[in-house]
Amino acid sequence: WFTTCGASGPYGPTQAQCDSAYKNSNVSVTVEKEGRLRGVQVWRVPATNRYRISAYGAAGGKGAKNHNKRSHGVFISATFLLEKDELLYILVGQQGEDACPGGNPETQKICLGESSLIEEDYKTKKDLKDWVGGGGGGGGATYIFRQKDGIFEPLLIAAGGGGKAYLKAQDSSLDDIPLEQFENSTAVPGVSGRTGAAGGGGGWQDETLLPQAGKSLLEGGEGGQACPQALAKLQWATSGGFGGGGGACTSGGGGGGYRGGHASDNDDITAGGQDGISFVNPIGEIFLHPLAAMESHGEVEVQIYLNCSHCHSDNCKRDPDTNLPVCQCEMGAVLANDNVTCTVPQSPIPEGHLPLPLLLAVVAMTVVLGMILTCGSLSIIYHLKKQQMEGARARLQSPEYKLSKIRTSAIMTDYNPNYCFAGKAATLSELKEIPRKNISLLRALGHGAFGEVYEGTVVGIAGDPNPLQVAIK
């Protein structure tokens, strides 16, 4: 893996930074110290082979009040045939600078939401603003190229993300995000993006004289400075990332790429910089199409390409001993004797163990029988209870039961619908009123929800000369 070696901002790393970054790895590079390639890492190809190169462009910077999500750098991958001892030039894109936290008290107040100086100025003076700045810098592109016959030839370029504007547009949505684009023809000029107040992103080969514009690769690939107005009034220095990221103004800077991303023409307070355009040289074979995925600095991975097309699973890895590709199978499958086909082994049934389908069938039958027995038992219990209730009701309503004498006599009591006999409510006609003179109270039994209850006797019941002991409410 090749990284920024810890460098950030508009300028690339030094030899000392890369020596420190790669000291515990097998990566060895030479970093250009001067000229238009300053900060570019040079790697010598160890052996002639097909290599898969995966490049990640850097993300753009966040705006002062638009910092929820940054524009992602582009990931793209392709395979190339490289010769032994060939020099590969690698510029790893660096993230565009964020507007916040700000470098002075005034910009810090804006970042904290304690000042609306820029918004108020924008409402009153859209064209001739006094206070500007607060956009994010454009992300730098990641360039992989080589020198052929004294001419630099691009192999793979992963574009950088555009810088965010000072404010988020109210009507912005995911539908507004364009699909990632790439070029695959060197006949298309690799120009820089259009510069407004903020800088456009640098391209492959172009020239610019504006300080906020990101430099093209063949100009040095430096990130653009913040726009002059932002530096003059608020000293808001938000630069683009190394790799051609455009410098910010109130709008965001454009991302670097084979073609740089455009910046807003009129420094719109909600206009972010556009992403750059990626590139795959037609001599290579694209492996993965571009995808905006990188959230920080760029990276590059170079590894020997393994052709796994002969494998049944289309997946393989390199054997460290033989240095040859070995087919791999999905989980649960094993490689057959031909070292190409994947098969699923048929494991024998251990002695004393039932096959899983048979075991599941036995369990299911047991559950069903258990449910049938349970339902049958509950049904029998219900019918027995019902018969017992009907028998009790019949006994309570029989003439032999003393309570029936009250119910069939001339005694009258207040009807209470809450009382019932063996589960059957009594009708009003069955309850007879008893004269008060026929009732004698003996003692209090207790106090309940319906009042006081007493023990007493009733006389004058037809057919019974003896007093009847009753409870009276």
Protein backbone atom coordinates (compact mmCIF):
# COMPACT_ATOMS: atom_id res chain seq x y z
CA TRP A 1 0.00 0.00 0.00
CA PHE A 2 1.15 3.53 -0.82
CA THR A 3 -0.15 6.40 1.32
CA THR A 4 0.34 10.15 1.76
CA CYS A 5 3.14 9.30 4.26
CA GLY A 6 1.39 11.50 6.81
CA ALA A 7 1.40 14.62 4.63
CA SER A 8 -1.73 16.79 4.34
CA GLY A 9 -2.76 20.04 2.71
CA PRO A 10 -1.71 21.39 -0.70
CA TYR A 11 1.85 20.00 -0.78
CA GLY A 12 3.09 16.42 -1.06
CA PRO A 13 5.30 14.39 1.31
CA THR A 14 9.07 14.44 1.70
CA GLN A 15 11.53 11.56 1.54
CA ALA A 16 11.88 11.59 5.33
CA GLN A 17 8.11 11.32 5.81
CA CYS A 18 7.85 8.32 3.48
CA ASP A 19 10.89 6.60 4.99
CA SER A 20 9.18 6.85 8.38
CA ALA A 21 5.78 5.77 7.06
CA TYR A 22 7.08 2.65 5.27
CA LYS A 23 9.82 1.58 7.71
CA ASN A 24 7.87 -1.45 8.96
CA SER A 25 6.73 -2.61 5.51
CA ASN A 26 8.27 -3.95 2.32
CA VAL A 27 7.46 -0.73 0.43
CA SER A 28 10.44 1.30 -0.76
CA VAL A 29 10.06 4.53 -2.72
CA THR A 30 12.04 7.54 -3.81
CA VAL A 31 10.29 10.88 -3.35
CA GLU A 32 10.98 13.61 -5.90
CA LYS A 33 12.48 16.62 -4.12
CA GLU A 34 12.15 19.40 -6.67
CA GLY A 35 10.64 20.40 -9.98
CA ARG A 36 7.13 19.74 -11.15
CA LEU A 37 7.11 16.22 -9.65
CA ARG A 38 7.99 17.30 -6.11
CA GLY A 39 6.16 15.07 -3.62
CA VAL A 40 5.59 12.27 -6.18
CA GLN A 41 6.64 8.78 -5.02
CA VAL A 42 8.65 6.62 -7.45
CA TRP A 43 8.45 2.82 -7.16
CA ARG A 44 10.55 0.30 -9.10
CA VAL A 45 8.62 -2.71 -10.46
CA PRO A 46 10.21 -5.88 -8.98
CA ALA A 47 9.27 -8.35 -11.74
CA THR A 48 7.56 -8.50 -15.10
CA ASN A 49 3.95 -9.47 -14.51
CA ARG A 50 0.36 -8.35 -14.70
CA TYR A 51 -0.46 -6.11 -11.76
CA ARG A 52 -3.79 -4.99 -10.38
CA ILE A 53 -3.60 -1.33 -9.38
CA SER A 54 -6.32 0.05 -7.09
CA ALA A 55 -6.37 3.82 -6.61
CA TYR A 56 -8.38 5.96 -4.19
CA GLY A 57 -8.82 9.69 -4.74
CA ALA A 58 -9.02 12.00 -1.73
CA ALA A 59 -12.23 13.42 -0.28
CA GLY A 60 -13.15 17.09 -0.42
CA GLY A 61 -13.22 19.43 2.58
CA LYS A 62 -16.29 20.36 4.63
CA GLY A 63 -17.96 23.78 4.67
CA ALA A 64 -18.23 25.94 7.80
CA LYS A 65 -21.97 25.24 8.19
CA ASN A 66 -22.12 22.26 5.86
CA HIS A 67 -20.14 19.65 7.74
CA ASN A 68 -22.37 16.59 8.03
CA LYS A 69 -20.85 14.72 5.11
CA ARG A 70 -17.91 15.36 2.79
CA SER A 71 -17.72 14.52 -0.93
CA HIS A 72 -16.00 11.16 -1.25
CA GLY A 73 -12.94 10.48 -3.34
CA VAL A 74 -13.28 7.95 -6.16
CA PHE A 75 -12.07 4.33 -6.01
CA ILE A 76 -11.11 2.65 -9.29
CA SER A 77 -9.13 -0.49 -10.14
CA ALA A 78 -7.54 -1.88 -13.32
CA THR A 79 -4.88 -4.40 -14.39
CA PHE A 80 -1.70 -3.55 -16.32
CA LEU A 81 1.32 -5.42 -17.65
CA LEU A 82 4.44 -3.90 -16.08
CA GLU A 83 8.07 -4.69 -16.90
CA LYS A 84 10.80 -5.45 -14.39
CA ASP A 85 12.72 -2.34 -13.22
CA GLU A 86 10.13 -0.06 -14.81
CA LEU A 87 9.56 3.10 -12.75
CA LEU A 88 6.02 3.76 -11.61
CA TYR A 89 5.22 7.33 -10.54
CA ILE A 90 2.59 7.63 -7.81
CA LEU A 91 0.99 10.85 -6.58
CA VAL A 92 -1.32 10.03 -3.68
CA GLY A 93 -4.12 12.59 -3.39
CA GLN A 94 -4.58 14.48 -0.13
CA GLN A 95 -7.88 15.54 1.40
CA GLY A 96 -9.16 19.05 0.79
CA GLU A 97 -8.95 21.21 3.89
CA ASP A 98 -12.04 21.79 6.05
CA ALA A 99 -13.22 25.35 6.69
CA CYS A 100 -13.40 24.76 10.44
CA PRO A 101 -12.32 25.20 13.19
CA GLY A 102 -11.01 28.45 11.64
CA GLY A 103 -7.76 30.25 12.32
CA ASN A 104 -8.92 33.37 14.19
CA PRO A 105 -11.67 34.42 16.64
CA GLU A 106 -14.05 35.67 13.93
CA THR A 107 -13.92 32.50 11.82
CA GLN A 108 -14.18 30.37 14.96
CA LYS A 109 -17.39 32.20 15.95
CA ILE A 110 -18.80 31.46 12.50
CA CYS A 111 -17.86 27.78 12.84
CA LEU A 112 -19.56 27.60 16.24
CA GLY A 113 -22.75 29.14 14.83
CA GLU A 114 -22.35 32.30 16.90
CA SER A 115 -22.01 34.57 13.87
CA SER A 116 -24.06 34.91 10.67
CA LEU A 117 -21.83 37.55 9.14
CA ILE A 118 -21.44 35.81 5.78
CA GLU A 119 -25.12 34.88 5.34
CA GLU A 120 -26.28 38.43 6.12
CA ASP A 121 -23.74 39.92 3.74
CA TYR A 122 -24.76 37.45 1.03
CA LYS A 123 -28.45 38.44 1.32
CA THR A 124 -27.72 42.13 0.79
CA LYS A 125 -24.77 42.00 -1.63
CA LYS A 126 -24.91 38.90 -3.78
CA ASP A 127 -22.45 40.18 -6.38
CA LEU A 128 -20.09 42.44 -4.40
CA LYS A 129 -19.73 40.73 -1.06
CA ASP A 130 -17.41 42.12 1.61
CA TRP A 131 -17.17 38.91 3.65
CA VAL A 132 -16.39 35.61 1.94
CA GLY A 133 -14.92 32.22 2.80
CA GLY A 134 -16.07 29.16 4.68
CA GLY A 135 -16.18 26.67 1.81
CA GLY A 136 -14.17 23.42 1.78
CA GLY A 137 -11.12 22.75 -0.38
CA GLY A 138 -11.28 20.27 -3.25
CA GLY A 139 -9.82 16.79 -2.74
CA GLY A 140 -6.67 15.83 -4.62
CA ALA A 141 -6.70 13.12 -7.27
CA THR A 142 -4.46 10.07 -7.08
CA TYR A 143 -2.31 9.65 -10.20
CA ILE A 144 -0.38 6.54 -11.30
CA PHE A 145 1.73 7.15 -14.39
CA ARG A 146 5.01 6.24 -16.09
CA GLN A 147 7.52 7.80 -18.41
CA LYS A 148 7.71 6.43 -21.94
CA ASP A 149 10.11 7.86 -24.51
CA GLY A 150 10.52 10.94 -22.34
CA ILE A 151 6.75 11.56 -22.15
CA PHE A 152 4.62 10.97 -19.09
CA GLU A 153 1.79 8.53 -19.74
CA PRO A 154 -1.18 8.23 -17.34
CA LEU A 155 -2.17 4.68 -16.43
CA LEU A 156 -4.82 5.16 -13.74
CA ILE A 157 -6.28 8.30 -12.14
CA ALA A 158 -8.77 8.25 -9.25
CA ALA A 159 -10.54 11.61 -9.00
CA GLY A 160 -10.85 13.69 -5.84
CA GLY A 161 -14.14 14.83 -4.34
CA GLY A 162 -15.27 18.44 -4.58
CA GLY A 163 -15.19 20.73 -1.55
CA LYS A 164 -18.48 21.49 0.20
CA ALA A 165 -19.96 24.98 0.12
CA TYR A 166 -20.36 27.22 3.20
CA LEU A 167 -24.05 26.24 3.51
CA LYS A 168 -25.96 23.17 2.42
CA ALA A 169 -28.53 23.78 -0.31
CA GLN A 170 -32.08 23.42 1.02
CA ASP A 171 -33.29 21.35 -1.94
CA SER A 172 -30.25 19.09 -2.22
CA SER A 173 -30.83 15.34 -2.19
CA LEU A 174 -29.16 12.09 -3.18
CA ASP A 175 -30.83 12.39 -6.59
CA ASP A 176 -28.66 15.43 -7.32
CA ILE A 177 -25.41 13.49 -6.96
CA PRO A 178 -24.06 12.64 -10.45
CA LEU A 179 -22.77 9.18 -11.29
CA GLU A 180 -19.01 8.69 -11.18
CA GLN A 181 -17.44 9.31 -14.58
CA PHE A 182 -14.17 8.21 -16.14
CA GLU A 183 -12.27 8.63 -19.39
CA ASN A 184 -10.43 5.86 -21.20
CA SER A 185 -8.97 7.71 -24.14
CA THR A 186 -5.86 9.88 -24.15
CA ALA A 187 -7.33 11.69 -27.14
CA VAL A 188 -9.63 13.51 -24.71
CA PRO A 189 -7.66 16.45 -23.26
CA GLY A 190 -7.01 16.29 -19.53
CA VAL A 191 -7.88 19.89 -18.70
CA SER A 192 -8.39 21.60 -15.37
CA GLY A 193 -11.80 22.56 -14.04
CA ARG A 194 -13.31 26.01 -14.45
CA THR A 195 -12.30 28.50 -11.76
CA GLY A 196 -14.70 31.08 -10.32
CA ALA A 197 -14.15 32.69 -6.94
CA ALA A 198 -13.14 29.23 -5.68
CA GLY A 199 -10.56 27.24 -7.61
CA GLY A 200 -11.34 24.55 -10.13
CA GLY A 201 -9.67 21.16 -9.77
CA GLY A 202 -6.42 20.44 -11.58
CA GLY A 203 -6.42 18.08 -14.56
CA TRP A 204 -3.72 15.93 -16.17
CA GLN A 205 -2.11 18.55 -18.36
CA ASP A 206 -3.15 22.20 -18.29
CA GLU A 207 -1.91 25.61 -17.19
CA THR A 208 -3.41 28.13 -14.81
CA LEU A 209 -2.28 31.45 -13.39
CA LEU A 210 -4.94 31.81 -10.70
CA PRO A 211 -3.67 31.04 -7.17
CA GLN A 212 -6.93 29.42 -6.04
CA ALA A 213 -6.95 26.94 -8.94
CA GLY A 214 -5.60 23.43 -8.36
CA LYS A 215 -2.49 22.72 -10.43
CA SER A 216 -2.56 20.03 -13.10
CA LEU A 217 -0.33 16.99 -12.62
CA LEU A 218 2.26 18.23 -15.10
CA GLU A 219 2.29 21.62 -13.32
CA GLY A 220 3.15 19.93 -10.02
CA GLY A 221 -0.27 18.89 -8.72
CA GLU A 222 -0.29 21.36 -5.83
CA GLY A 223 -3.60 22.24 -4.20
CA GLY A 224 -5.00 25.71 -4.82
CA GLN A 225 -4.99 28.46 -2.18
CA ALA A 226 -8.10 30.01 -0.67
CA CYS A 227 -9.60 32.80 -2.77
CA PRO A 228 -7.93 36.24 -2.33
CA GLN A 229 -11.07 37.83 -0.80
CA ALA A 230 -11.24 35.19 1.96
CA LEU A 231 -7.57 35.66 2.77
CA ALA A 232 -7.83 39.47 2.77
CA LYS A 233 -10.82 39.97 5.11
CA LEU A 234 -11.13 36.91 7.36
CA GLN A 235 -7.72 35.31 6.76
CA TRP A 236 -9.68 32.15 5.97
CA ALA A 237 -7.00 29.95 4.38
CA THR A 238 -8.77 26.79 3.16
CA SER A 239 -6.60 25.12 0.53
CA GLY A 240 -7.24 22.26 -1.84
CA GLY A 241 -5.47 18.94 -1.32
CA PHE A 242 -2.26 17.84 -3.05
CA GLY A 243 -3.29 16.27 -6.34
CA GLY A 244 -4.93 19.33 -7.89
CA GLY A 245 -7.68 20.12 -5.36
CA GLY A 246 -9.10 23.63 -5.88
CA GLY A 247 -8.87 26.23 -3.12
CA ALA A 248 -12.08 27.33 -1.40
CA CYS A 249 -13.99 30.59 -1.23
CA THR A 250 -17.58 30.74 0.09
CA SER A 251 -18.26 28.03 -2.47
CA GLY A 252 -16.24 24.81 -2.49
CA GLY A 253 -13.18 24.04 -4.59
CA GLY A 254 -13.25 21.51 -7.43
CA GLY A 255 -11.73 18.04 -7.09
CA GLY A 256 -8.63 17.02 -9.01
CA GLY A 257 -8.68 14.37 -11.74
CA TYR A 258 -7.82 13.60 -15.34
CA ARG A 259 -10.26 16.44 -15.88
CA GLY A 260 -10.68 18.72 -12.89
CA GLY A 261 -14.03 19.53 -11.32
CA HIS A 262 -15.57 22.98 -11.86
CA ALA A 263 -16.10 25.61 -9.16
CA SER A 264 -19.08 27.98 -8.94
CA ASP A 265 -18.87 30.96 -11.31
CA ASN A 266 -20.47 33.44 -8.88
CA ASP A 267 -19.35 32.08 -5.49
CA ASP A 268 -22.80 30.79 -4.59
CA ILE A 269 -23.03 30.28 -0.82
CA THR A 270 -24.53 26.79 -1.34
CA ALA A 271 -22.50 25.68 -4.39
CA GLY A 272 -20.01 22.90 -3.71
CA GLY A 273 -17.14 22.15 -6.06
CA GLN A 274 -17.63 19.36 -8.58
CA ASP A 275 -15.78 16.04 -8.32
CA GLY A 276 -13.00 15.40 -10.79
CA ILE A 277 -13.14 12.88 -13.66
CA SER A 278 -11.20 9.60 -13.33
CA PHE A 279 -9.17 7.85 -16.04
CA VAL A 280 -8.18 4.33 -17.12
CA ASN A 281 -5.60 3.94 -19.88
CA PRO A 282 -6.93 1.69 -22.68
CA ILE A 283 -3.78 -0.48 -22.49
CA GLY A 284 -5.10 -1.73 -19.15
CA GLU A 285 -8.21 -3.72 -18.35
CA ILE A 286 -10.66 -2.19 -15.93
CA PHE A 287 -11.25 -4.41 -12.91
CA LEU A 288 -13.70 -2.31 -10.86
CA HIS A 289 -15.60 0.68 -12.19
CA PRO A 290 -15.30 4.00 -10.33
CA LEU A 291 -17.15 4.39 -7.06
CA ALA A 292 -17.16 7.42 -4.75
CA ALA A 293 -16.08 5.73 -1.52
CA MET A 294 -13.04 7.40 0.07
CA GLU A 295 -13.71 9.62 3.10
CA SER A 296 -10.19 10.89 3.75
CA HIS A 297 -6.76 10.91 2.06
CA GLY A 298 -6.11 8.82 -1.02
CA GLU A 299 -4.28 5.49 -1.20
CA VAL A 300 -2.81 3.13 -3.80
CA GLU A 301 -2.55 -0.66 -3.73
CA VAL A 302 -0.39 -2.53 -6.26
CA GLN A 303 -0.47 -6.33 -6.25
CA ILE A 304 0.32 -9.11 -8.71
CA TYR A 305 -2.84 -9.95 -10.61
CA LEU A 306 -4.01 -13.53 -10.24
CA ASN A 307 -5.97 -14.89 -13.19
CA CYS A 308 -8.53 -17.16 -11.56
CA SER A 309 -10.69 -17.76 -14.65
CA HIS A 310 -9.68 -21.46 -14.73
CA CYS A 311 -11.06 -21.98 -11.22
CA HIS A 312 -14.56 -23.33 -10.71
CA SER A 313 -15.21 -20.58 -8.14
CA ASP A 314 -13.36 -17.79 -10.05
CA ASN A 315 -11.42 -17.24 -6.84
CA CYS A 316 -7.81 -18.06 -6.04
CA LYS A 317 -4.77 -17.02 -4.03
CA ARG A 318 -1.04 -17.20 -4.57
CA ASP A 319 0.84 -20.08 -2.95
CA PRO A 320 3.78 -18.56 -1.01
CA ASP A 321 5.99 -21.60 -1.70
CA THR A 322 5.41 -22.19 -5.41
CA ASN A 323 4.33 -18.61 -6.25
CA LEU A 324 1.50 -20.12 -8.32
CA PRO A 325 -2.24 -19.43 -8.06
CA VAL A 326 -4.25 -21.96 -6.04
CA CYS A 327 -8.01 -22.16 -6.50
CA GLN A 328 -10.20 -21.47 -3.48
CA CYS A 329 -13.69 -22.77 -2.77
CA GLU A 330 -16.62 -21.30 -0.91
CA MET A 331 -17.28 -22.30 2.69
CA GLY A 332 -18.49 -25.89 2.94
CA ALA A 333 -16.89 -26.96 -0.35
CA VAL A 334 -13.47 -28.53 -0.94
CA LEU A 335 -11.07 -28.50 -3.86
CA ALA A 336 -11.20 -31.70 -5.93
CA ASN A 337 -8.16 -33.68 -7.07
CA ASP A 338 -8.04 -31.71 -10.34
CA ASN A 339 -7.26 -28.54 -8.27
CA VAL A 340 -9.93 -26.68 -10.25
CA THR A 341 -13.36 -28.03 -9.32
CA CYS A 342 -15.12 -27.41 -6.01
CA THR A 343 -17.20 -30.23 -4.51
CA VAL A 344 -19.37 -30.55 -1.41
CA PRO A 345 -18.31 -33.63 0.59
CA GLN A 346 -20.98 -36.19 1.51
CA SER A 347 -20.29 -36.92 5.17
CA PRO A 348 -21.26 -40.47 6.37
CA ILE A 349 -23.93 -40.83 9.06
CA PRO A 350 -22.27 -41.63 12.42
CA GLU A 351 -23.31 -44.98 13.92
CA GLY A 352 -26.13 -44.62 16.41
CA HIS A 353 -27.29 -41.27 15.00
CA LEU A 354 -30.45 -40.70 12.98
CA PRO A 355 -30.36 -38.67 9.75
CA LEU A 356 -31.50 -35.09 10.29
CA PRO A 357 -34.69 -35.34 8.11
CA LEU A 358 -35.81 -38.48 10.00
CA LEU A 359 -35.05 -36.85 13.34
CA LEU A 360 -37.11 -33.79 12.39
CA ALA A 361 -40.03 -36.04 11.30
CA VAL A 362 -40.01 -37.89 14.63
CA VAL A 363 -39.98 -34.63 16.57
CA ALA A 364 -42.86 -33.26 14.48
CA MET A 365 -44.99 -36.40 15.01
CA THR A 366 -44.33 -36.29 18.76
CA VAL A 367 -45.44 -32.67 18.94
CA VAL A 368 -48.64 -33.37 16.94
CA LEU A 369 -49.60 -36.38 19.10
CA GLY A 370 -48.93 -34.37 22.25
CA MET A 371 -51.23 -31.58 21.03
CA ILE A 372 -54.01 -34.11 20.19
CA LEU A 373 -53.80 -35.73 23.64
CA THR A 374 -53.78 -32.35 25.36
CA CYS A 375 -56.85 -31.14 23.45
CA GLY A 376 -58.70 -34.42 24.15
CA SER A 377 -57.95 -34.23 27.87
CA LEU A 378 -59.12 -30.63 28.09
CA SER A 379 -62.36 -31.53 26.27
CA ILE A 380 -63.10 -34.41 28.68
CA ILE A 381 -62.41 -32.21 31.72
CA TYR A 382 -64.75 -29.53 30.32
CA HIS A 383 -67.65 -31.95 29.84
CA LEU A 384 -67.17 -33.41 33.34
CA LYS A 385 -67.23 -29.94 34.88
CA LYS A 386 -70.33 -29.09 32.89
CA GLN A 387 -72.14 -32.19 34.12
CA GLN A 388 -71.18 -31.40 37.73
CA MET A 389 -72.52 -27.84 37.38
CA GLU A 390 -75.82 -29.03 35.92
CA GLY A 391 -76.21 -31.56 38.76
CA ALA A 392 -75.55 -28.89 41.39
CA ARG A 393 -78.08 -26.59 39.77
CA ALA A 394 -80.71 -29.33 39.76
CA ARG A 395 -80.14 -30.08 43.45
CA LEU A 396 -80.37 -26.42 44.44
CA GLN A 397 -83.67 -26.04 42.60
CA SER A 398 -85.21 -29.25 44.03
CA PRO A 399 -88.20 -29.03 46.52
CA GLU A 400 -86.21 -30.90 49.16
CA TYR A 401 -83.68 -28.03 49.43
CA LYS A 402 -84.78 -25.60 52.19
CA LEU A 403 -83.85 -22.51 50.15
CA SER A 404 -86.61 -23.40 47.74
CA LYS A 405 -89.13 -22.68 50.47
CA ILE A 406 -88.11 -19.05 50.49
CA ARG A 407 -88.19 -18.81 46.71
CA THR A 408 -91.69 -20.30 46.46
CA SER A 409 -93.22 -18.58 49.51
CA ALA A 410 -94.96 -15.24 49.71
CA ILE A 411 -91.84 -13.58 51.17
CA MET A 412 -90.53 -10.62 49.05
CA THR A 413 -86.96 -9.33 48.93
CA ASP A 414 -85.19 -6.76 46.82
CA TYR A 415 -84.00 -8.25 43.53
CA ASN A 416 -80.20 -8.24 43.12
CA PRO A 417 -78.98 -9.21 39.63
CA ASN A 418 -75.55 -10.07 41.08
CA TYR A 419 -77.01 -13.16 42.81
CA CYS A 420 -77.46 -16.43 40.99
CA PHE A 421 -78.15 -20.03 41.85
CA ALA A 422 -75.55 -22.57 40.70
CA GLY A 423 -74.54 -20.40 37.79
CA LYS A 424 -78.16 -19.56 36.77
CA ALA A 425 -79.54 -16.08 37.50
CA ALA A 426 -82.94 -15.91 39.26
CA THR A 427 -85.81 -14.02 37.65
CA LEU A 428 -87.63 -11.25 39.46
CA SER A 429 -90.87 -13.28 39.63
CA GLU A 430 -89.11 -16.05 41.58
CA LEU A 431 -88.06 -13.74 44.44
CA LYS A 432 -90.92 -13.13 46.95
CA GLU A 433 -91.11 -10.33 49.51
CA ILE A 434 -91.03 -11.36 53.23
CA PRO A 435 -92.85 -9.13 55.77
CA ARG A 436 -90.47 -7.46 58.20
CA LYS A 437 -92.44 -8.76 61.22
CA ASN A 438 -91.63 -12.36 60.21
CA ILE A 439 -87.85 -11.70 60.42
CA SER A 440 -85.86 -11.73 63.64
CA LEU A 441 -82.20 -10.56 63.72
CA LEU A 442 -79.96 -12.58 66.06
CA ARG A 443 -76.42 -11.20 65.54
CA ALA A 444 -74.19 -9.35 63.08
CA LEU A 445 -72.12 -11.57 60.78
CA GLY A 446 -69.97 -8.96 59.05
CA HIS A 447 -69.66 -5.97 56.75
CA GLY A 448 -69.24 -6.51 53.00
CA ALA A 449 -69.30 -4.63 49.72
CA PHE A 450 -73.11 -4.65 49.73
CA GLY A 451 -73.65 -3.58 53.40
CA GLU A 452 -74.16 -5.28 56.83
CA VAL A 453 -75.02 -9.02 56.99
CA TYR A 454 -76.90 -10.52 59.99
CA GLU A 455 -77.85 -13.98 61.17
CA GLY A 456 -81.60 -14.32 61.73
CA THR A 457 -84.73 -16.45 61.52
CA VAL A 458 -87.84 -16.36 59.34
CA VAL A 459 -91.23 -17.65 60.46
CA GLY A 460 -94.49 -18.06 58.64
CA ILE A 461 -93.08 -20.10 55.76
CA ALA A 462 -95.85 -22.10 54.17
CA GLY A 463 -95.55 -25.80 54.93
CA ASP A 464 -92.92 -25.35 57.68
CA PRO A 465 -94.03 -24.32 61.21
CA ASN A 466 -90.44 -24.15 62.46
CA PRO A 467 -88.33 -20.95 62.14
CA LEU A 468 -85.93 -21.03 59.19
CA GLN A 469 -82.34 -19.89 59.87
CA VAL A 470 -81.22 -17.35 57.26
CA ALA A 471 -78.61 -14.67 56.51
CA ILE A 472 -80.07 -11.21 56.07
CA LYS A 473 -78.54 -8.18 54.30
